[in-house]
């Protein structure tokens, strides 16, 4: 999934954190909700401005970031 059109960064919004489509909802917020056990449906009910594509974009971003992470052994 290409999340680049969904995940945005604006310096004056949420201290420059990664947000969803210019809203004040951050990628971290969505990932934290999912990690705490909320379902996609519950998130969409609580935040009617979000779409399932927004949540998928957050997951794709996290997967991409994880893929780029590497460990250096000492």
Protein backbone atom coordinates (compact mmCIF):
# COMPACT_ATOMS: atom_id res chain seq x y z
CA UNK A 1 0.00 0.00 0.00
CA UNK A 2 1.23 3.49 -0.82
CA UNK A 3 0.63 5.47 2.35
CA UNK A 4 2.43 8.61 1.21
CA UNK A 5 -0.78 10.45 0.26
CA UNK A 6 -2.46 9.53 3.55
CA UNK A 7 0.28 10.13 6.11
CA UNK A 8 1.32 13.77 6.32
CA UNK A 9 3.72 15.91 8.31
CA UNK A 10 2.99 19.55 9.10
CA UNK A 11 5.47 21.34 11.37
CA UNK A 12 2.80 23.34 13.22
CA UNK A 13 0.43 20.43 13.75
CA UNK A 14 0.89 18.01 16.65
CA UNK A 15 4.53 19.12 16.95
CA UNK A 16 5.38 17.78 13.50
CA UNK A 17 4.26 14.23 14.23
CA UNK A 18 3.01 11.99 11.44
CA UNK A 19 -0.70 12.67 10.99
CA UNK A 20 -3.47 11.19 8.89
CA UNK A 21 -4.57 13.31 5.92
CA UNK A 22 -3.68 16.57 7.66
CA UNK A 23 -5.96 15.86 10.62
CA UNK A 24 -4.80 16.04 14.22
CA UNK A 25 -4.95 12.24 14.56
CA UNK A 26 -1.44 10.79 14.51
CA UNK A 27 -0.17 7.48 13.22
CA UNK A 28 1.01 6.82 16.77
CA UNK A 29 -2.54 7.36 18.08
CA UNK A 30 -3.95 4.74 15.72
CA UNK A 31 -1.18 2.23 16.40
CA UNK A 32 -1.61 2.76 20.14
CA UNK A 33 -5.38 2.15 19.89
CA UNK A 34 -4.79 -1.07 17.95
CA UNK A 35 -2.10 -2.21 20.39
CA UNK A 36 -4.44 -1.60 23.32
CA UNK A 37 -6.98 -3.98 21.81
CA UNK A 38 -9.36 -1.67 19.97
CA UNK A 39 -10.68 -3.12 16.74
CA UNK A 40 -10.66 -1.26 13.46
CA UNK A 41 -14.43 -1.00 13.70
CA UNK A 42 -14.24 0.58 17.18
CA UNK A 43 -11.70 3.14 15.97
CA UNK A 44 -13.87 4.01 12.98
CA UNK A 45 -16.90 4.41 15.25
CA UNK A 46 -15.00 6.74 17.59
CA UNK A 47 -13.43 8.78 14.76
CA UNK A 48 -15.99 9.09 11.98
CA UNK A 49 -13.57 11.14 9.84
CA UNK A 50 -11.22 8.14 9.52
CA UNK A 51 -11.50 5.42 6.90
CA UNK A 52 -10.31 1.84 6.87
CA UNK A 53 -7.69 2.94 4.32
CA UNK A 54 -6.30 5.37 6.91
CA UNK A 55 -5.83 2.54 9.40
CA UNK A 56 -4.26 0.31 6.74
CA UNK A 57 -1.89 3.16 5.87
CA UNK A 58 -0.76 3.36 9.51
CA UNK A 59 -0.08 -0.36 9.57
CA UNK A 60 1.74 -0.21 6.23
CA UNK A 61 3.87 2.67 7.51
CA UNK A 62 4.74 0.74 10.68
CA UNK A 63 5.62 -2.37 8.66
CA UNK A 64 7.77 -0.34 6.29
CA UNK A 65 9.56 1.35 9.17
CA UNK A 66 10.18 -2.00 10.86
CA UNK A 67 11.57 -3.40 7.63
CA UNK A 68 14.09 -0.54 7.44
CA UNK A 69 15.17 -0.93 11.06
CA UNK A 70 18.37 -2.83 11.59
CA UNK A 71 20.45 -3.86 14.54
CA UNK A 72 24.17 -3.33 14.78
CA UNK A 73 25.95 -5.87 16.97
CA UNK A 74 28.90 -4.73 18.99
